Amino acid sequence: RVFSMIPGLENAEFVRYGVMHRNSFLNSPKLLNRDFSLRTNKHIFFA
């Protein structure tokens, strides 16, 4: 309804609508070294 108000999109065919999803991340400054290895276990890296 709303995006069809955009000039030129009055009759637009939407093949995918916008979606929202949860993203997660580490508190890396407390946990990771500059090489992306875990400070408490050098055999585990995150990327």
ModelCIF file with pLDDT and N, C-alpha, C, O atoms, coordinates in Angstrom:
data_MODEL
#
_entry.id   MODEL 
#
_entity.id                         1 
_entity.type                       polymer 
_entity.pdbx_number_of_molecules   1 
#
_entity_poly.entity_id                      1 
_entity_poly.type                           'polypeptide(L)' 
_entity_poly.nstd_linkage                   no 
_entity_poly.nstd_monomer                   no 
_entity_poly.pdbx_seq_one_letter_code       RVFSMIPGLENAEFVRYGVMHRNSFLNSPKLLNRDFSLRTNKHIFFA 
_entity_poly.pdbx_seq_one_letter_code_can   RVFSMIPGLENAEFVRYGVMHRNSFLNSPKLLNRDFSLRTNKHIFFA 
_entity_poly.pdbx_strand_id                 A 
#
loop_
_entity_poly_seq.entity_id 
_entity_poly_seq.num 
_entity_poly_seq.mon_id 
_entity_poly_seq.hetero 
1 1  ARG n 
1 2  VAL n 
1 3  PHE n 
1 4  SER n 
1 5  MET n 
1 6  ILE n 
1 7  PRO n 
1 8  GLY n 
1 9  LEU n 
1 10 GLU n 
1 11 ASN n 
1 12 ALA n 
1 13 GLU n 
1 14 PHE n 
1 15 VAL n 
1 16 ARG n 
1 17 TYR n 
1 18 GLY n 
1 19 VAL n 
1 20 MET n 
1 21 HIS n 
1 22 ARG n 
1 23 ASN n 
1 24 SER n 
1 25 PHE n 
1 26 LEU n 
1 27 ASN n 
1 28 SER n 
1 29 PRO n 
1 30 LYS n 
1 31 LEU n 
1 32 LEU n 
1 33 ASN n 
1 34 ARG n 
1 35 ASP n 
1 36 PHE n 
1 37 SER n 
1 38 LEU n 
1 39 ARG n 
1 40 THR n 
1 41 ASN n 
1 42 LYS n 
1 43 HIS n 
1 44 ILE n 
1 45 PHE n 
1 46 PHE n 
1 47 ALA n 
#
_struct_asym.id          A 
_struct_asym.entity_id   1 
#
loop_
_ma_qa_metric.id 
_ma_qa_metric.mode 
_ma_qa_metric.name 
_ma_qa_metric.software_group_id 
_ma_qa_metric.type 
1 global pLDDT . pLDDT 
2 local  pLDDT . pLDDT 
#
_ma_qa_metric_global.metric_id      1 
_ma_qa_metric_global.metric_value   92.49 
_ma_qa_metric_global.model_id       1 
_ma_qa_metric_global.ordinal_id     1 
#
loop_
_ma_qa_metric_local.label_asym_id 
_ma_qa_metric_local.label_comp_id 
_ma_qa_metric_local.label_seq_id 
_ma_qa_metric_local.metric_id 
_ma_qa_metric_local.metric_value 
_ma_qa_metric_local.model_id 
_ma_qa_metric_local.ordinal_id 
A ARG 1  2 97.00 1 1  
A VAL 2  2 98.00 1 2  
A PHE 3  2 98.00 1 3  
A SER 4  2 97.00 1 4  
A MET 5  2 98.00 1 5  
A ILE 6  2 98.00 1 6  
A PRO 7  2 98.00 1 7  
A GLY 8  2 98.00 1 8  
A LEU 9  2 98.00 1 9  
A GLU 10 2 97.00 1 10 
A ASN 11 2 95.00 1 11 
A ALA 12 2 95.00 1 12 
A GLU 13 2 90.00 1 13 
A PHE 14 2 92.00 1 14 
A VAL 15 2 81.00 1 15 
A ARG 16 2 84.00 1 16 
A TYR 17 2 89.00 1 17 
A GLY 18 2 87.00 1 18 
A VAL 19 2 79.00 1 19 
A MET 20 2 78.00 1 20 
A HIS 21 2 71.00 1 21 
A ARG 22 2 72.00 1 22 
A ASN 23 2 76.00 1 23 
A SER 24 2 82.00 1 24 
A PHE 25 2 89.00 1 25 
A LEU 26 2 93.00 1 26 
A ASN 27 2 92.00 1 27 
A SER 28 2 95.00 1 28 
A PRO 29 2 92.00 1 29 
A LYS 30 2 94.00 1 30 
A LEU 31 2 95.00 1 31 
A LEU 32 2 97.00 1 32 
A ASN 33 2 98.00 1 33 
A ARG 34 2 97.00 1 34 
A ASP 35 2 98.00 1 35 
A PHE 36 2 98.00 1 36 
A SER 37 2 98.00 1 37 
A LEU 38 2 96.00 1 38 
A ARG 39 2 95.00 1 39 
A THR 40 2 94.00 1 40 
A ASN 41 2 95.00 1 41 
A LYS 42 2 95.00 1 42 
A HIS 43 2 97.00 1 43 
A ILE 44 2 97.00 1 44 
A PHE 45 2 98.00 1 45 
A PHE 46 2 98.00 1 46 
A ALA 47 2 98.00 1 47 
#
loop_
_atom_site.group_PDB 
_atom_site.id 
_atom_site.type_symbol 
_atom_site.label_atom_id 
_atom_site.label_alt_id 
_atom_site.label_comp_id 
_atom_site.label_asym_id 
_atom_site.label_entity_id 
_atom_site.label_seq_id 
_atom_site.pdbx_PDB_ins_code 
_atom_site.Cartn_x 
_atom_site.Cartn_y 
_atom_site.Cartn_z 
_atom_site.occupancy 
_atom_site.B_iso_or_equiv 
_atom_site.pdbx_formal_charge 
_atom_site.auth_seq_id 
_atom_site.auth_comp_id 
_atom_site.auth_asym_id 
_atom_site.auth_atom_id 
_atom_site.pdbx_PDB_model_num 
ATOM 1   N N  . ARG A 1 1  ? 0.819  -1.213  0.000   1.00 97.00 ? 1  ARG A N  1 
ATOM 2   C CA . ARG A 1 1  ? 0.000  0.000   0.000   1.00 97.00 ? 1  ARG A CA 1 
ATOM 3   C C  . ARG A 1 1  ? 0.853  1.264   0.000   1.00 97.00 ? 1  ARG A C  1 
ATOM 4   O O  . ARG A 1 1  ? 0.644  2.157   -0.821  1.00 97.00 ? 1  ARG A O  1 
ATOM 5   N N  . VAL A 1 2  ? 1.816  1.340   0.921   1.00 98.00 ? 2  VAL A N  1 
ATOM 6   C CA . VAL A 1 2  ? 2.589  2.573   1.090   1.00 98.00 ? 2  VAL A CA 1 
ATOM 7   C C  . VAL A 1 2  ? 3.625  2.754   -0.022  1.00 98.00 ? 2  VAL A C  1 
ATOM 8   O O  . VAL A 1 2  ? 3.778  3.854   -0.554  1.00 98.00 ? 2  VAL A O  1 
ATOM 9   N N  . PHE A 1 3  ? 4.331  1.685   -0.372  1.00 98.00 ? 3  PHE A N  1 
ATOM 10  C CA . PHE A 1 3  ? 5.383  1.832   -1.384  1.00 98.00 ? 3  PHE A CA 1 
ATOM 11  C C  . PHE A 1 3  ? 4.806  2.026   -2.785  1.00 98.00 ? 3  PHE A C  1 
ATOM 12  O O  . PHE A 1 3  ? 5.507  2.483   -3.688  1.00 98.00 ? 3  PHE A O  1 
ATOM 13  N N  . SER A 1 4  ? 3.534  1.681   -2.969  1.00 97.00 ? 4  SER A N  1 
ATOM 14  C CA . SER A 1 4  ? 2.877  1.958   -4.248  1.00 97.00 ? 4  SER A CA 1 
ATOM 15  C C  . SER A 1 4  ? 2.567  3.447   -4.410  1.00 97.00 ? 4  SER A C  1 
ATOM 16  O O  . SER A 1 4  ? 2.141  3.881   -5.480  1.00 97.00 ? 4  SER A O  1 
ATOM 17  N N  . MET A 1 5  ? 2.781  4.229   -3.345  1.00 98.00 ? 5  MET A N  1 
ATOM 18  C CA . MET A 1 5  ? 2.634  5.681   -3.436  1.00 98.00 ? 5  MET A CA 1 
ATOM 19  C C  . MET A 1 5  ? 3.870  6.327   -4.056  1.00 98.00 ? 5  MET A C  1 
ATOM 20  O O  . MET A 1 5  ? 3.839  7.504   -4.416  1.00 98.00 ? 5  MET A O  1 
ATOM 21  N N  . ILE A 1 6  ? 4.942  5.577   -4.182  1.00 98.00 ? 6  ILE A N  1 
ATOM 22  C CA . ILE A 1 6  ? 6.164  6.110   -4.783  1.00 98.00 ? 6  ILE A CA 1 
ATOM 23  C C  . ILE A 1 6  ? 5.909  6.347   -6.270  1.00 98.00 ? 6  ILE A C  1 
ATOM 24  O O  . ILE A 1 6  ? 5.480  5.428   -6.968  1.00 98.00 ? 6  ILE A O  1 
ATOM 25  N N  . PRO A 1 7  ? 6.158  7.546   -6.767  1.00 98.00 ? 7  PRO A N  1 
ATOM 26  C CA . PRO A 1 7  ? 5.907  7.832   -8.186  1.00 98.00 ? 7  PRO A CA 1 
ATOM 27  C C  . PRO A 1 7  ? 6.624  6.836   -9.097  1.00 98.00 ? 7  PRO A C  1 
ATOM 28  O O  . PRO A 1 7  ? 7.844  6.684   -9.029  1.00 98.00 ? 7  PRO A O  1 
ATOM 29  N N  . GLY A 1 8  ? 5.864  6.174   -9.935  1.00 98.00 ? 8  GLY A N  1 
ATOM 30  C CA . GLY A 1 8  ? 6.411  5.160   -10.821 1.00 98.00 ? 8  GLY A CA 1 
ATOM 31  C C  . GLY A 1 8  ? 6.199  3.743   -10.332 1.00 98.00 ? 8  GLY A C  1 
ATOM 32  O O  . GLY A 1 8  ? 6.353  2.786   -11.091 1.00 98.00 ? 8  GLY A O  1 
ATOM 33  N N  . LEU A 1 9  ? 5.844  3.607   -9.050  1.00 98.00 ? 9  LEU A N  1 
ATOM 34  C CA . LEU A 1 9  ? 5.633  2.269   -8.483  1.00 98.00 ? 9  LEU A CA 1 
ATOM 35  C C  . LEU A 1 9  ? 4.158  2.009   -8.161  1.00 98.00 ? 9  LEU A C  1 
ATOM 36  O O  . LEU A 1 9  ? 3.839  1.091   -7.405  1.00 98.00 ? 9  LEU A O  1 
ATOM 37  N N  . GLU A 1 10 ? 3.271  2.807   -8.729  1.00 97.00 ? 10 GLU A N  1 
ATOM 38  C CA . GLU A 1 10 ? 1.843  2.662   -8.442  1.00 97.00 ? 10 GLU A CA 1 
ATOM 39  C C  . GLU A 1 10 ? 1.333  1.258   -8.761  1.00 97.00 ? 10 GLU A C  1 
ATOM 40  O O  . GLU A 1 10 ? 0.455  0.744   -8.069  1.00 97.00 ? 10 GLU A O  1 
ATOM 41  N N  . ASN A 1 11 ? 1.875  0.643   -9.796  1.00 95.00 ? 11 ASN A N  1 
ATOM 42  C CA . ASN A 1 11 ? 1.452  -0.705  -10.193 1.00 95.00 ? 11 ASN A CA 1 
ATOM 43  C C  . ASN A 1 11 ? 2.617  -1.688  -10.148 1.00 95.00 ? 11 ASN A C  1 
ATOM 44  O O  . ASN A 1 11 ? 2.646  -2.671  -10.889 1.00 95.00 ? 11 ASN A O  1 
ATOM 45  N N  . ALA A 1 12 ? 3.573  -1.408  -9.271  1.00 95.00 ? 12 ALA A N  1 
ATOM 46  C CA . ALA A 1 12 ? 4.777  -2.247  -9.195  1.00 95.00 ? 12 ALA A CA 1 
ATOM 47  C C  . ALA A 1 12 ? 4.442  -3.660  -8.718  1.00 95.00 ? 12 ALA A C  1 
ATOM 48  O O  . ALA A 1 12 ? 3.580  -3.859  -7.862  1.00 95.00 ? 12 ALA A O  1 
ATOM 49  N N  . GLU A 1 13 ? 5.148  -4.635  -9.296  1.00 90.00 ? 13 GLU A N  1 
ATOM 50  C CA . GLU A 1 13 ? 5.023  -6.024  -8.869  1.00 90.00 ? 13 GLU A CA 1 
ATOM 51  C C  . GLU A 1 13 ? 6.160  -6.327  -7.889  1.00 90.00 ? 13 GLU A C  1 
ATOM 52  O O  . GLU A 1 13 ? 7.332  -6.295  -8.263  1.00 90.00 ? 13 GLU A O  1 
ATOM 53  N N  . PHE A 1 14 ? 5.812  -6.616  -6.655  1.00 92.00 ? 14 PHE A N  1 
ATOM 54  C CA . PHE A 1 14 ? 6.807  -6.915  -5.625  1.00 92.00 ? 14 PHE A CA 1 
ATOM 55  C C  . PHE A 1 14 ? 7.113  -8.417  -5.645  1.00 92.00 ? 14 PHE A C  1 
ATOM 56  O O  . PHE A 1 14 ? 6.252  -9.239  -5.328  1.00 92.00 ? 14 PHE A O  1 
ATOM 57  N N  . VAL A 1 15 ? 8.333  -8.758  -6.017  1.00 81.00 ? 15 VAL A N  1 
ATOM 58  C CA . VAL A 1 15 ? 8.715  -10.173 -6.032  1.00 81.00 ? 15 VAL A CA 1 
ATOM 59  C C  . VAL A 1 15 ? 9.263  -10.613 -4.676  1.00 81.00 ? 15 VAL A C  1 
ATOM 60  O O  . VAL A 1 15 ? 9.339  -11.807 -4.386  1.00 81.00 ? 15 VAL A O  1 
ATOM 61  N N  . ARG A 1 16 ? 9.642  -9.644  -3.854  1.00 84.00 ? 16 ARG A N  1 
ATOM 62  C CA . ARG A 1 16 ? 10.031 -9.930  -2.467  1.00 84.00 ? 16 ARG A CA 1 
ATOM 63  C C  . ARG A 1 16 ? 9.739  -8.697  -1.631  1.00 84.00 ? 16 ARG A C  1 
ATOM 64  O O  . ARG A 1 16 ? 10.129 -7.583  -1.980  1.00 84.00 ? 16 ARG A O  1 
ATOM 65  N N  . TYR A 1 17 ? 9.053  -8.914  -0.532  1.00 89.00 ? 17 TYR A N  1 
ATOM 66  C CA . TYR A 1 17 ? 8.834  -7.815  0.399   1.00 89.00 ? 17 TYR A CA 1 
ATOM 67  C C  . TYR A 1 17 ? 9.998  -7.735  1.379   1.00 89.00 ? 17 TYR A C  1 
ATOM 68  O O  . TYR A 1 17 ? 10.746 -8.696  1.564   1.00 89.00 ? 17 TYR A O  1 
ATOM 69  N N  . GLY A 1 18 ? 10.132 -6.576  1.994   1.00 87.00 ? 18 GLY A N  1 
ATOM 70  C CA . GLY A 1 18 ? 11.183 -6.405  2.987   1.00 87.00 ? 18 GLY A CA 1 
ATOM 71  C C  . GLY A 1 18 ? 10.925 -7.285  4.207   1.00 87.00 ? 18 GLY A C  1 
ATOM 72  O O  . GLY A 1 18 ? 9.776  -7.525  4.577   1.00 87.00 ? 18 GLY A O  1 
ATOM 73  N N  . VAL A 1 19 ? 11.986 -7.755  4.819   1.00 79.00 ? 19 VAL A N  1 
ATOM 74  C CA . VAL A 1 19 ? 11.865 -8.605  6.002   1.00 79.00 ? 19 VAL A CA 1 
ATOM 75  C C  . VAL A 1 19 ? 12.833 -8.128  7.077   1.00 79.00 ? 19 VAL A C  1 
ATOM 76  O O  . VAL A 1 19 ? 13.807 -7.428  6.799   1.00 79.00 ? 19 VAL A O  1 
ATOM 77  N N  . MET A 1 20 ? 12.541 -8.524  8.300   1.00 78.00 ? 20 MET A N  1 
ATOM 78  C CA . MET A 1 20 ? 13.419 -8.184  9.418   1.00 78.00 ? 20 MET A CA 1 
ATOM 79  C C  . MET A 1 20 ? 13.824 -9.452  10.137  1.00 78.00 ? 20 MET A C  1 
ATOM 80  O O  . MET A 1 20 ? 13.017 -10.369 10.296  1.00 78.00 ? 20 MET A O  1 
ATOM 81  N N  . HIS A 1 21 ? 15.080 -9.507  10.575  1.00 71.00 ? 21 HIS A N  1 
ATOM 82  C CA . HIS A 1 21 ? 15.543 -10.672 11.315  1.00 71.00 ? 21 HIS A CA 1 
ATOM 83  C C  . HIS A 1 21 ? 16.548 -10.240 12.371  1.00 71.00 ? 21 HIS A C  1 
ATOM 84  O O  . HIS A 1 21 ? 17.139 -9.163  12.288  1.00 71.00 ? 21 HIS A O  1 
ATOM 85  N N  . ARG A 1 22 ? 16.724 -11.087 13.347  1.00 72.00 ? 22 ARG A N  1 
ATOM 86  C CA . ARG A 1 22 ? 17.633 -10.791 14.453  1.00 72.00 ? 22 ARG A CA 1 
ATOM 87  C C  . ARG A 1 22 ? 19.080 -11.050 14.060  1.00 72.00 ? 22 ARG A C  1 
ATOM 88  O O  . ARG A 1 22 ? 19.393 -12.091 13.484  1.00 72.00 ? 22 ARG A O  1 
ATOM 89  N N  . ASN A 1 23 ? 19.945 -10.123 14.365  1.00 76.00 ? 23 ASN A N  1 
ATOM 90  C CA . ASN A 1 23 ? 21.380 -10.302 14.192  1.00 76.00 ? 23 ASN A CA 1 
ATOM 91  C C  . ASN A 1 23 ? 22.048 -10.372 15.554  1.00 76.00 ? 23 ASN A C  1 
ATOM 92  O O  . ASN A 1 23 ? 21.651 -9.670  16.484  1.00 76.00 ? 23 ASN A O  1 
ATOM 93  N N  . SER A 1 24 ? 23.049 -11.210 15.668  1.00 82.00 ? 24 SER A N  1 
ATOM 94  C CA . SER A 1 24 ? 23.767 -11.343 16.932  1.00 82.00 ? 24 SER A CA 1 
ATOM 95  C C  . SER A 1 24 ? 25.257 -11.127 16.719  1.00 82.00 ? 24 SER A C  1 
ATOM 96  O O  . SER A 1 24 ? 25.795 -11.457 15.663  1.00 82.00 ? 24 SER A O  1 
ATOM 97  N N  . PHE A 1 25 ? 25.919 -10.573 17.723  1.00 89.00 ? 25 PHE A N  1 
ATOM 98  C CA . PHE A 1 25 ? 27.356 -10.393 17.626  1.00 89.00 ? 25 PHE A CA 1 
ATOM 99  C C  . PHE A 1 25 ? 27.975 -10.437 19.020  1.00 89.00 ? 25 PHE A C  1 
ATOM 100 O O  . PHE A 1 25 ? 27.294 -10.250 20.029  1.00 89.00 ? 25 PHE A O  1 
ATOM 101 N N  . LEU A 1 26 ? 29.266 -10.688 19.050  1.00 93.00 ? 26 LEU A N  1 
ATOM 102 C CA . LEU A 1 26 ? 30.003 -10.774 20.306  1.00 93.00 ? 26 LEU A CA 1 
ATOM 103 C C  . LEU A 1 26 ? 30.366 -9.382  20.812  1.00 93.00 ? 26 LEU A C  1 
ATOM 104 O O  . LEU A 1 26 ? 30.387 -8.415  20.050  1.00 93.00 ? 26 LEU A O  1 
ATOM 105 N N  . ASN A 1 27 ? 30.648 -9.297  22.094  1.00 92.00 ? 27 ASN A N  1 
ATOM 106 C CA . ASN A 1 27 ? 31.256 -8.088  22.648  1.00 92.00 ? 27 ASN A CA 1 
ATOM 107 C C  . ASN A 1 27 ? 32.759 -8.220  22.406  1.00 92.00 ? 27 ASN A C  1 
ATOM 108 O O  . ASN A 1 27 ? 33.548 -8.402  23.333  1.00 92.00 ? 27 ASN A O  1 
ATOM 109 N N  . SER A 1 28 ? 33.122 -8.124  21.136  1.00 95.00 ? 28 SER A N  1 
ATOM 110 C CA . SER A 1 28 ? 34.463 -8.494  20.682  1.00 95.00 ? 28 SER A CA 1 
ATOM 111 C C  . SER A 1 28 ? 35.612 -7.768  21.368  1.00 95.00 ? 28 SER A C  1 
ATOM 112 O O  . SER A 1 28 ? 36.639 -8.397  21.624  1.00 95.00 ? 28 SER A O  1 
ATOM 113 N N  . PRO A 1 29 ? 35.497 -6.464  21.683  1.00 92.00 ? 29 PRO A N  1 
ATOM 114 C CA . PRO A 1 29 ? 36.627 -5.804  22.340  1.00 92.00 ? 29 PRO A CA 1 
ATOM 115 C C  . PRO A 1 29 ? 37.063 -6.472  23.641  1.00 92.00 ? 29 PRO A C  1 
ATOM 116 O O  . PRO A 1 29 ? 38.226 -6.366  24.031  1.00 92.00 ? 29 PRO A O  1 
ATOM 117 N N  . LYS A 1 30 ? 36.150 -7.151  24.308  1.00 94.00 ? 30 LYS A N  1 
ATOM 118 C CA . LYS A 1 30 ? 36.503 -7.849  25.544  1.00 94.00 ? 30 LYS A CA 1 
ATOM 119 C C  . LYS A 1 30 ? 36.943 -9.289  25.297  1.00 94.00 ? 30 LYS A C  1 
ATOM 120 O O  . LYS A 1 30 ? 37.524 -9.927  26.175  1.00 94.00 ? 30 LYS A O  1 
ATOM 121 N N  . LEU A 1 31 ? 36.661 -9.796  24.096  1.00 95.00 ? 31 LEU A N  1 
ATOM 122 C CA . LEU A 1 31 ? 36.817 -11.234 23.874  1.00 95.00 ? 31 LEU A CA 1 
ATOM 123 C C  . LEU A 1 31 ? 37.852 -11.626 22.837  1.00 95.00 ? 31 LEU A C  1 
ATOM 124 O O  . LEU A 1 31 ? 38.453 -12.695 22.945  1.00 95.00 ? 31 LEU A O  1 
ATOM 125 N N  . LEU A 1 32 ? 38.076 -10.784 21.832  1.00 97.00 ? 32 LEU A N  1 
ATOM 126 C CA . LEU A 1 32 ? 38.901 -11.200 20.702  1.00 97.00 ? 32 LEU A CA 1 
ATOM 127 C C  . LEU A 1 32 ? 40.217 -10.447 20.604  1.00 97.00 ? 32 LEU A C  1 
ATOM 128 O O  . LEU A 1 32 ? 40.319 -9.281  20.986  1.00 97.00 ? 32 LEU A O  1 
ATOM 129 N N  . ASN A 1 33 ? 41.223 -11.143 20.082  1.00 98.00 ? 33 ASN A N  1 
ATOM 130 C CA . ASN A 1 33 ? 42.492 -10.527 19.716  1.00 98.00 ? 33 ASN A CA 1 
ATOM 131 C C  . ASN A 1 33 ? 42.370 -9.894  18.339  1.00 98.00 ? 33 ASN A C  1 
ATOM 132 O O  . ASN A 1 33 ? 41.367 -10.084 17.650  1.00 98.00 ? 33 ASN A O  1 
ATOM 133 N N  . ARG A 1 34 ? 43.396 -9.138  17.934  1.00 97.00 ? 34 ARG A N  1 
ATOM 134 C CA . ARG A 1 34 ? 43.356 -8.466  16.637  1.00 97.00 ? 34 ARG A CA 1 
ATOM 135 C C  . ARG A 1 34 ? 43.315 -9.442  15.473  1.00 97.00 ? 34 ARG A C  1 
ATOM 136 O O  . ARG A 1 34 ? 42.865 -9.088  14.383  1.00 97.00 ? 34 ARG A O  1 
ATOM 137 N N  . ASP A 1 35 ? 43.783 -10.681 15.694  1.00 98.00 ? 35 ASP A N  1 
ATOM 138 C CA . ASP A 1 35 ? 43.767 -11.684 14.618  1.00 98.00 ? 35 ASP A CA 1 
ATOM 139 C C  . ASP A 1 35 ? 42.464 -12.479 14.598  1.00 98.00 ? 35 ASP A C  1 
ATOM 140 O O  . ASP A 1 35 ? 42.344 -13.463 13.869  1.00 98.00 ? 35 ASP A O  1 
ATOM 141 N N  . PHE A 1 36 ? 41.483 -12.047 15.404  1.00 98.00 ? 36 PHE A N  1 
ATOM 142 C CA . PHE A 1 36 ? 40.149 -12.654 15.511  1.00 98.00 ? 36 PHE A CA 1 
ATOM 143 C C  . PHE A 1 36 ? 40.140 -13.963 16.310  1.00 98.00 ? 36 PHE A C  1 
ATOM 144 O O  . PHE A 1 36 ? 39.148 -14.692 16.296  1.00 98.00 ? 36 PHE A O  1 
ATOM 145 N N  . SER A 1 37 ? 41.236 -14.258 17.001  1.00 98.00 ? 37 SER A N  1 
ATOM 146 C CA . SER A 1 37 ? 41.246 -15.420 17.890  1.00 98.00 ? 37 SER A CA 1 
ATOM 147 C C  . SER A 1 37 ? 40.677 -15.035 19.248  1.00 98.00 ? 37 SER A C  1 
ATOM 148 O O  . SER A 1 37 ? 40.717 -13.871 19.648  1.00 98.00 ? 37 SER A O  1 
ATOM 149 N N  . LEU A 1 38 ? 40.154 -16.019 19.942  1.00 96.00 ? 38 LEU A N  1 
ATOM 150 C CA . LEU A 1 38 ? 39.578 -15.804 21.261  1.00 96.00 ? 38 LEU A CA 1 
ATOM 151 C C  . LEU A 1 38 ? 40.701 -15.654 22.278  1.00 96.00 ? 38 LEU A C  1 
ATOM 152 O O  . LEU A 1 38 ? 41.637 -16.453 22.295  1.00 96.00 ? 38 LEU A O  1 
ATOM 153 N N  . ARG A 1 39 ? 40.613 -14.646 23.115  1.00 95.00 ? 39 ARG A N  1 
ATOM 154 C CA . ARG A 1 39 ? 41.692 -14.393 24.077  1.00 95.00 ? 39 ARG A CA 1 
ATOM 155 C C  . ARG A 1 39 ? 41.885 -15.534 25.054  1.00 95.00 ? 39 ARG A C  1 
ATOM 156 O O  . ARG A 1 39 ? 43.001 -15.782 25.510  1.00 95.00 ? 39 ARG A O  1 
ATOM 157 N N  . THR A 1 40 ? 40.814 -16.228 25.376  1.00 94.00 ? 40 THR A N  1 
ATOM 158 C CA . THR A 1 40 ? 40.896 -17.304 26.357  1.00 94.00 ? 40 THR A CA 1 
ATOM 159 C C  . THR A 1 40 ? 41.193 -18.662 25.729  1.00 94.00 ? 40 THR A C  1 
ATOM 160 O O  . THR A 1 40 ? 41.403 -19.642 26.443  1.00 94.00 ? 40 THR A O  1 
ATOM 161 N N  . ASN A 1 41 ? 41.213 -18.727 24.395  1.00 95.00 ? 41 ASN A N  1 
ATOM 162 C CA . ASN A 1 41 ? 41.525 -19.986 23.720  1.00 95.00 ? 41 ASN A CA 1 
ATOM 163 C C  . ASN A 1 41 ? 42.010 -19.669 22.309  1.00 95.00 ? 41 ASN A C  1 
ATOM 164 O O  . ASN A 1 41 ? 41.198 -19.415 21.420  1.00 95.00 ? 41 ASN A O  1 
ATOM 165 N N  . LYS A 1 42 ? 43.323 -19.681 22.095  1.00 95.00 ? 42 LYS A N  1 
ATOM 166 C CA . LYS A 1 42 ? 43.899 -19.253 20.826  1.00 95.00 ? 42 LYS A CA 1 
ATOM 167 C C  . LYS A 1 42 ? 43.558 -20.192 19.671  1.00 95.00 ? 42 LYS A C  1 
ATOM 168 O O  . LYS A 1 42 ? 43.805 -19.852 18.514  1.00 95.00 ? 42 LYS A O  1 
ATOM 169 N N  . HIS A 1 43 ? 42.994 -21.367 19.960  1.00 97.00 ? 43 HIS A N  1 
ATOM 170 C CA . HIS A 1 43 ? 42.630 -22.307 18.904  1.00 97.00 ? 43 HIS A CA 1 
ATOM 171 C C  . HIS A 1 43 ? 41.228 -22.054 18.348  1.00 97.00 ? 43 HIS A C  1 
ATOM 172 O O  . HIS A 1 43 ? 40.796 -22.734 17.417  1.00 97.00 ? 43 HIS A O  1 
ATOM 173 N N  . ILE A 1 44 ? 40.524 -21.084 18.913  1.00 97.00 ? 44 ILE A N  1 
ATOM 174 C CA . ILE A 1 44 ? 39.186 -20.741 18.438  1.00 97.00 ? 44 ILE A CA 1 
ATOM 175 C C  . ILE A 1 44 ? 39.196 -19.320 17.890  1.00 97.00 ? 44 ILE A C  1 
ATOM 176 O O  . ILE A 1 44 ? 39.538 -18.367 18.590  1.00 97.00 ? 44 ILE A O  1 
ATOM 177 N N  . PHE A 1 45 ? 38.813 -19.201 16.623  1.00 98.00 ? 45 PHE A N  1 
ATOM 178 C CA . PHE A 1 45 ? 38.699 -17.911 15.971  1.00 98.00 ? 45 PHE A CA 1 
ATOM 179 C C  . PHE A 1 45 ? 37.223 -17.645 15.662  1.00 98.00 ? 45 PHE A C  1 
ATOM 180 O O  . PHE A 1 45 ? 36.430 -18.573 15.506  1.00 98.00 ? 45 PHE A O  1 
ATOM 181 N N  . PHE A 1 46 ? 36.878 -16.375 15.579  1.00 98.00 ? 46 PHE A N  1 
ATOM 182 C CA . PHE A 1 46 ? 35.561 -15.969 15.089  1.00 98.00 ? 46 PHE A CA 1 
ATOM 183 C C  . PHE A 1 46 ? 35.766 -15.107 13.851  1.00 98.00 ? 46 PHE A C  1 
ATOM 184 O O  . PHE A 1 46 ? 36.790 -14.437 13.720  1.00 98.00 ? 46 PHE A O  1 
ATOM 185 N N  . ALA A 1 47 ? 34.798 -15.122 12.944  1.00 98.00 ? 47 ALA A N  1 
ATOM 186 C CA . ALA A 1 47 ? 34.899 -14.306 11.738  1.00 98.00 ? 47 ALA A CA 1 
ATOM 187 C C  . ALA A 1 47 ? 33.502 -13.947 11.254  1.00 98.00 ? 47 ALA A C  1 
ATOM 188 O O  . ALA A 1 47 ? 33.356 -13.259 10.244  1.00 98.00 ? 47 ALA A O  1 
#
